[in-house]
Structures are given as C-alpha cells and as structure tokens.
Amino acid sequence: CVGFVLTALCWGFTNPFIKRGSEGIEKIKKTSWLKQTLAESWFLFTNWKYVLPLAINLSGSAVYYYTLSSADITIAVPITNSLALIFTILAGNILNSF
C-alpha cells in the first residue's frame, strides 16, 4: 500500500512541474522534422525545470513496477491512478497559487 501512495506522489505531484518545465518548447521552429526533434530534445533535456520532475516521475514508475510484483494488479492500477489524479490536482492548485 505504501508503494501505491509513493508512486502516486511521484507521478501526481510532478505532472504540473513537467508541464511548466516544458513551457517555451512551442516557440522552437526548425526547417525539418529531424532538426525540430533534436532542437526540442535539447531544449527539454538541458532544462533542469523539466529534467528534475521527469526523473522523480520515472522513479515513481520504478517503485510501481516493484510494488506490482507483490500486489494484485486489479487493485494496484485503480488505486495508484486515482491517487495520482488527486495529487496532480493538488499540485496544480498549489503551483497556480504562486
């Protein structure tokens, strides 16, 4: 049960920060698909405001897979996703109040 909550925290609280960290990517305009992809990737992965929440979010995925090894998947998925949604809403409201 602790793994579900930890996963939901990692997923939910980082979503608004990942969104905020990627602001400005829409301004990148390149002439080819490859140049566009490379420029956007460079923008994201050199921006700590994006990379740090992404790393925390991905660590939540590692906790989730570890937790699934000892939990019933029919319970784990709805609990984790429901909590992640609640934490996303909370974090979004907290982030928007600053």
N, C-alpha and C. Protein backbone atom coordinates (compact mmCIF):
# COMPACT_ATOMS: atom_id res chain seq x y z
N CYS A 1 0.82 -1.20 0.00
CA CYS A 1 0.00 0.00 0.00
C CYS A 1 0.87 1.26 0.00
N VAL A 2 1.98 1.22 0.70
CA VAL A 2 2.89 2.36 0.73
C VAL A 2 3.46 2.62 -0.66
N GLY A 3 3.73 1.54 -1.39
CA GLY A 3 4.26 1.68 -2.75
C GLY A 3 3.28 2.38 -3.67
N PHE A 4 1.98 2.11 -3.49
CA PHE A 4 0.97 2.77 -4.31
C PHE A 4 0.97 4.28 -4.05
N VAL A 5 1.01 4.64 -2.78
CA VAL A 5 0.97 6.06 -2.42
C VAL A 5 2.24 6.77 -2.88
N LEU A 6 3.39 6.13 -2.70
CA LEU A 6 4.65 6.73 -3.14
C LEU A 6 4.66 6.91 -4.66
N THR A 7 4.19 5.91 -5.37
CA THR A 7 4.11 6.02 -6.83
C THR A 7 3.18 7.15 -7.23
N ALA A 8 2.01 7.21 -6.62
CA ALA A 8 1.05 8.27 -6.95
C ALA A 8 1.62 9.66 -6.65
N LEU A 9 2.36 9.77 -5.55
CA LEU A 9 3.01 11.05 -5.23
C LEU A 9 4.01 11.43 -6.30
N CYS A 10 4.86 10.46 -6.67
CA CYS A 10 5.87 10.73 -7.69
C CYS A 10 5.23 11.10 -9.03
N TRP A 11 4.18 10.41 -9.40
CA TRP A 11 3.52 10.70 -10.66
C TRP A 11 2.69 11.97 -10.59
N GLY A 12 1.87 12.07 -9.56
CA GLY A 12 0.92 13.17 -9.48
C GLY A 12 1.54 14.53 -9.24
N PHE A 13 2.44 14.61 -8.30
CA PHE A 13 3.00 15.91 -7.96
C PHE A 13 3.97 16.43 -9.02
N THR A 14 4.52 15.54 -9.84
CA THR A 14 5.47 16.01 -10.84
C THR A 14 4.80 16.45 -12.14
N ASN A 15 3.59 16.00 -12.42
CA ASN A 15 2.94 16.33 -13.70
C ASN A 15 2.84 17.84 -13.96
N PRO A 16 2.36 18.64 -13.01
CA PRO A 16 2.30 20.08 -13.28
C PRO A 16 3.68 20.72 -13.44
N PHE A 17 4.68 20.18 -12.75
CA PHE A 17 6.03 20.72 -12.88
C PHE A 17 6.65 20.36 -14.22
N ILE A 18 6.35 19.16 -14.72
CA ILE A 18 6.83 18.77 -16.05
C ILE A 18 6.19 19.68 -17.10
N LYS A 19 4.92 19.94 -16.94
CA LYS A 19 4.21 20.82 -17.87
C LYS A 19 4.83 22.21 -17.84
N ARG A 20 5.07 22.73 -16.66
CA ARG A 20 5.65 24.07 -16.54
C ARG A 20 7.08 24.10 -17.07
N GLY A 21 7.82 23.03 -16.83
CA GLY A 21 9.20 22.97 -17.30
C GLY A 21 9.32 22.90 -18.81
N SER A 22 8.28 22.46 -19.47
CA SER A 22 8.32 22.36 -20.93
C SER A 22 7.77 23.61 -21.62
N GLU A 23 7.37 24.61 -20.85
CA GLU A 23 6.87 25.85 -21.45
C GLU A 23 7.95 26.49 -22.30
N GLY A 24 7.58 26.92 -23.47
CA GLY A 24 8.52 27.54 -24.39
C GLY A 24 8.93 26.63 -25.53
N ILE A 25 8.64 25.35 -25.41
CA ILE A 25 9.02 24.42 -26.47
C ILE A 25 8.27 24.71 -27.77
N GLU A 26 7.07 25.27 -27.65
CA GLU A 26 6.27 25.56 -28.84
C GLU A 26 6.88 26.68 -29.68
N LYS A 27 7.81 27.45 -29.12
CA LYS A 27 8.46 28.53 -29.86
C LYS A 27 9.58 28.03 -30.76
N ILE A 28 9.99 26.79 -30.58
CA ILE A 28 11.08 26.23 -31.39
C ILE A 28 10.52 25.86 -32.76
N LYS A 29 11.09 26.46 -33.80
CA LYS A 29 10.67 26.19 -35.17
C LYS A 29 11.91 25.91 -36.02
N LYS A 30 11.99 24.71 -36.55
CA LYS A 30 13.10 24.32 -37.42
C LYS A 30 12.56 23.89 -38.78
N THR A 31 13.44 23.77 -39.75
CA THR A 31 13.02 23.53 -41.12
C THR A 31 12.73 22.07 -41.45
N SER A 32 13.25 21.15 -40.67
CA SER A 32 12.99 19.73 -40.95
C SER A 32 12.55 19.02 -39.68
N TRP A 33 11.95 17.86 -39.88
CA TRP A 33 11.47 17.07 -38.76
C TRP A 33 12.63 16.69 -37.83
N LEU A 34 13.75 16.29 -38.41
CA LEU A 34 14.90 15.87 -37.61
C LEU A 34 15.46 17.04 -36.80
N LYS A 35 15.64 18.18 -37.45
CA LYS A 35 16.15 19.36 -36.72
C LYS A 35 15.18 19.79 -35.63
N GLN A 36 13.89 19.72 -35.91
CA GLN A 36 12.87 20.07 -34.92
C GLN A 36 12.95 19.15 -33.71
N THR A 37 13.04 17.86 -33.98
CA THR A 37 13.12 16.87 -32.90
C THR A 37 14.37 17.06 -32.06
N LEU A 38 15.49 17.27 -32.71
CA LEU A 38 16.75 17.48 -31.98
C LEU A 38 16.72 18.77 -31.16
N ALA A 39 16.17 19.83 -31.74
CA ALA A 39 16.11 21.11 -31.01
C ALA A 39 15.18 21.01 -29.81
N GLU A 40 14.04 20.34 -29.97
CA GLU A 40 13.12 20.17 -28.85
C GLU A 40 13.74 19.28 -27.77
N SER A 41 14.41 18.23 -28.17
CA SER A 41 15.07 17.34 -27.20
C SER A 41 16.15 18.09 -26.44
N TRP A 42 16.94 18.89 -27.13
CA TRP A 42 17.99 19.69 -26.48
C TRP A 42 17.36 20.67 -25.49
N PHE A 43 16.29 21.33 -25.91
CA PHE A 43 15.59 22.27 -25.05
C PHE A 43 15.14 21.60 -23.77
N LEU A 44 14.51 20.44 -23.89
CA LEU A 44 13.97 19.76 -22.72
C LEU A 44 15.06 19.21 -21.81
N PHE A 45 16.02 18.51 -22.37
CA PHE A 45 16.98 17.80 -21.54
C PHE A 45 18.13 18.66 -21.03
N THR A 46 18.16 19.92 -21.41
CA THR A 46 19.11 20.86 -20.81
C THR A 46 18.41 21.82 -19.85
N ASN A 47 17.15 21.57 -19.60
CA ASN A 47 16.34 22.42 -18.73
C ASN A 47 16.06 21.67 -17.42
N TRP A 48 16.70 22.08 -16.35
CA TRP A 48 16.54 21.36 -15.08
C TRP A 48 15.10 21.42 -14.56
N LYS A 49 14.34 22.43 -14.96
CA LYS A 49 12.95 22.54 -14.52
C LYS A 49 12.09 21.44 -15.15
N TYR A 50 12.58 20.85 -16.21
CA TYR A 50 11.90 19.72 -16.85
C TYR A 50 12.52 18.39 -16.40
N VAL A 51 13.84 18.35 -16.37
CA VAL A 51 14.55 17.08 -16.11
C VAL A 51 14.34 16.60 -14.68
N LEU A 52 14.39 17.47 -13.71
CA LEU A 52 14.25 17.05 -12.31
C LEU A 52 12.88 16.43 -12.03
N PRO A 53 11.77 17.07 -12.40
CA PRO A 53 10.48 16.41 -12.18
C PRO A 53 10.33 15.13 -13.00
N LEU A 54 10.90 15.11 -14.20
CA LEU A 54 10.83 13.91 -15.02
C LEU A 54 11.56 12.75 -14.34
N ALA A 55 12.72 13.02 -13.76
CA ALA A 55 13.47 11.97 -13.07
C ALA A 55 12.69 11.44 -11.86
N ILE A 56 12.05 12.33 -11.13
CA ILE A 56 11.23 11.90 -9.98
C ILE A 56 10.04 11.07 -10.47
N ASN A 57 9.43 11.53 -11.56
CA ASN A 57 8.29 10.81 -12.14
C ASN A 57 8.71 9.40 -12.57
N LEU A 58 9.84 9.29 -13.22
CA LEU A 58 10.31 7.99 -13.67
C LEU A 58 10.71 7.09 -12.50
N SER A 59 11.19 7.67 -11.42
CA SER A 59 11.50 6.86 -10.24
C SER A 59 10.20 6.30 -9.65
N GLY A 60 9.11 7.05 -9.79
CA GLY A 60 7.80 6.54 -9.37
C GLY A 60 7.42 5.31 -10.18
N SER A 61 7.77 5.29 -11.45
CA SER A 61 7.50 4.11 -12.28
C SER A 61 8.28 2.90 -11.80
N ALA A 62 9.52 3.12 -11.37
CA ALA A 62 10.32 2.02 -10.84
C ALA A 62 9.69 1.46 -9.56
N VAL A 63 9.23 2.35 -8.69
CA VAL A 63 8.54 1.91 -7.47
C VAL A 63 7.27 1.15 -7.82
N TYR A 64 6.56 1.62 -8.82
CA TYR A 64 5.32 0.99 -9.25
C TYR A 64 5.57 -0.44 -9.72
N TYR A 65 6.56 -0.64 -10.57
CA TYR A 65 6.84 -1.99 -11.05
C TYR A 65 7.32 -2.90 -9.93
N TYR A 66 8.06 -2.36 -9.00
CA TYR A 66 8.48 -3.16 -7.85
C TYR A 66 7.27 -3.54 -7.00
N THR A 67 6.36 -2.60 -6.79
CA THR A 67 5.16 -2.85 -6.00
C THR A 67 4.24 -3.87 -6.66
N LEU A 68 4.18 -3.82 -7.99
CA LEU A 68 3.32 -4.76 -8.72
C LEU A 68 3.75 -6.22 -8.53
N SER A 69 5.02 -6.42 -8.22
CA SER A 69 5.50 -7.80 -8.04
C SER A 69 4.87 -8.48 -6.83
N SER A 70 4.38 -7.69 -5.89
CA SER A 70 3.80 -8.28 -4.68
C SER A 70 2.36 -7.84 -4.43
N ALA A 71 1.71 -7.29 -5.46
CA ALA A 71 0.35 -6.79 -5.27
C ALA A 71 -0.58 -7.32 -6.35
N ASP A 72 -1.84 -7.30 -6.06
CA ASP A 72 -2.86 -7.68 -7.02
C ASP A 72 -3.06 -6.53 -8.01
N ILE A 73 -2.85 -6.80 -9.28
CA ILE A 73 -2.90 -5.74 -10.29
C ILE A 73 -4.28 -5.12 -10.42
N THR A 74 -5.32 -5.89 -10.13
CA THR A 74 -6.68 -5.35 -10.23
C THR A 74 -6.96 -4.30 -9.16
N ILE A 75 -6.17 -4.30 -8.11
CA ILE A 75 -6.29 -3.29 -7.05
C ILE A 75 -5.25 -2.19 -7.26
N ALA A 76 -4.06 -2.58 -7.65
CA ALA A 76 -2.95 -1.64 -7.76
C ALA A 76 -3.21 -0.53 -8.78
N VAL A 77 -3.68 -0.90 -9.95
CA VAL A 77 -3.85 0.08 -11.02
C VAL A 77 -4.88 1.15 -10.66
N PRO A 78 -6.10 0.80 -10.27
CA PRO A 78 -7.06 1.87 -9.96
C PRO A 78 -6.66 2.73 -8.76
N ILE A 79 -6.09 2.10 -7.74
CA ILE A 79 -5.68 2.88 -6.56
C ILE A 79 -4.59 3.88 -6.94
N THR A 80 -3.58 3.40 -7.62
CA THR A 80 -2.45 4.26 -7.97
C THR A 80 -2.87 5.38 -8.90
N ASN A 81 -3.64 5.06 -9.93
CA ASN A 81 -4.05 6.09 -10.88
C ASN A 81 -5.02 7.09 -10.26
N SER A 82 -5.91 6.63 -9.39
CA SER A 82 -6.83 7.55 -8.72
C SER A 82 -6.06 8.51 -7.81
N LEU A 83 -5.15 7.97 -7.04
CA LEU A 83 -4.34 8.82 -6.16
C LEU A 83 -3.47 9.78 -6.97
N ALA A 84 -2.91 9.32 -8.07
CA ALA A 84 -2.09 10.19 -8.92
C ALA A 84 -2.92 11.36 -9.45
N LEU A 85 -4.15 11.09 -9.83
CA LEU A 85 -5.03 12.16 -10.30
C LEU A 85 -5.29 13.17 -9.19
N ILE A 86 -5.56 12.69 -8.00
CA ILE A 86 -5.80 13.58 -6.86
C ILE A 86 -4.56 14.42 -6.57
N PHE A 87 -3.38 13.79 -6.57
CA PHE A 87 -2.14 14.52 -6.30
C PHE A 87 -1.82 15.51 -7.42
N THR A 88 -2.18 15.18 -8.66
CA THR A 88 -1.97 16.11 -9.78
C THR A 88 -2.83 17.35 -9.59
N ILE A 89 -4.07 17.16 -9.21
CA ILE A 89 -4.96 18.30 -8.98
C ILE A 89 -4.45 19.16 -7.83
N LEU A 90 -4.04 18.52 -6.74
CA LEU A 90 -3.50 19.26 -5.60
C LEU A 90 -2.24 20.05 -5.97
N ALA A 91 -1.32 19.39 -6.65
CA ALA A 91 -0.07 20.06 -7.04
C ALA A 91 -0.33 21.17 -8.02
N GLY A 92 -1.26 20.97 -8.94
CA GLY A 92 -1.61 22.04 -9.88
C GLY A 92 -2.19 23.25 -9.18
N ASN A 93 -3.05 23.01 -8.20
CA ASN A 93 -3.62 24.13 -7.44
C ASN A 93 -2.56 24.83 -6.61
N ILE A 94 -1.66 24.08 -6.01
CA ILE A 94 -0.57 24.69 -5.23
C ILE A 94 0.34 25.50 -6.14
N LEU A 95 0.69 24.93 -7.29
CA LEU A 95 1.60 25.61 -8.22
C LEU A 95 0.96 26.87 -8.79
N ASN A 96 -0.33 26.84 -9.06
CA ASN A 96 -1.01 28.01 -9.61
C ASN A 96 -1.22 29.10 -8.57
N SER A 97 -1.11 28.78 -7.30
CA SER A 97 -1.29 29.81 -6.27
C SER A 97 -0.03 30.64 -6.06
N PHE A 98 1.09 30.24 -6.67
CA PHE A 98 2.33 31.01 -6.54
C PHE A 98 2.56 31.89 -7.73
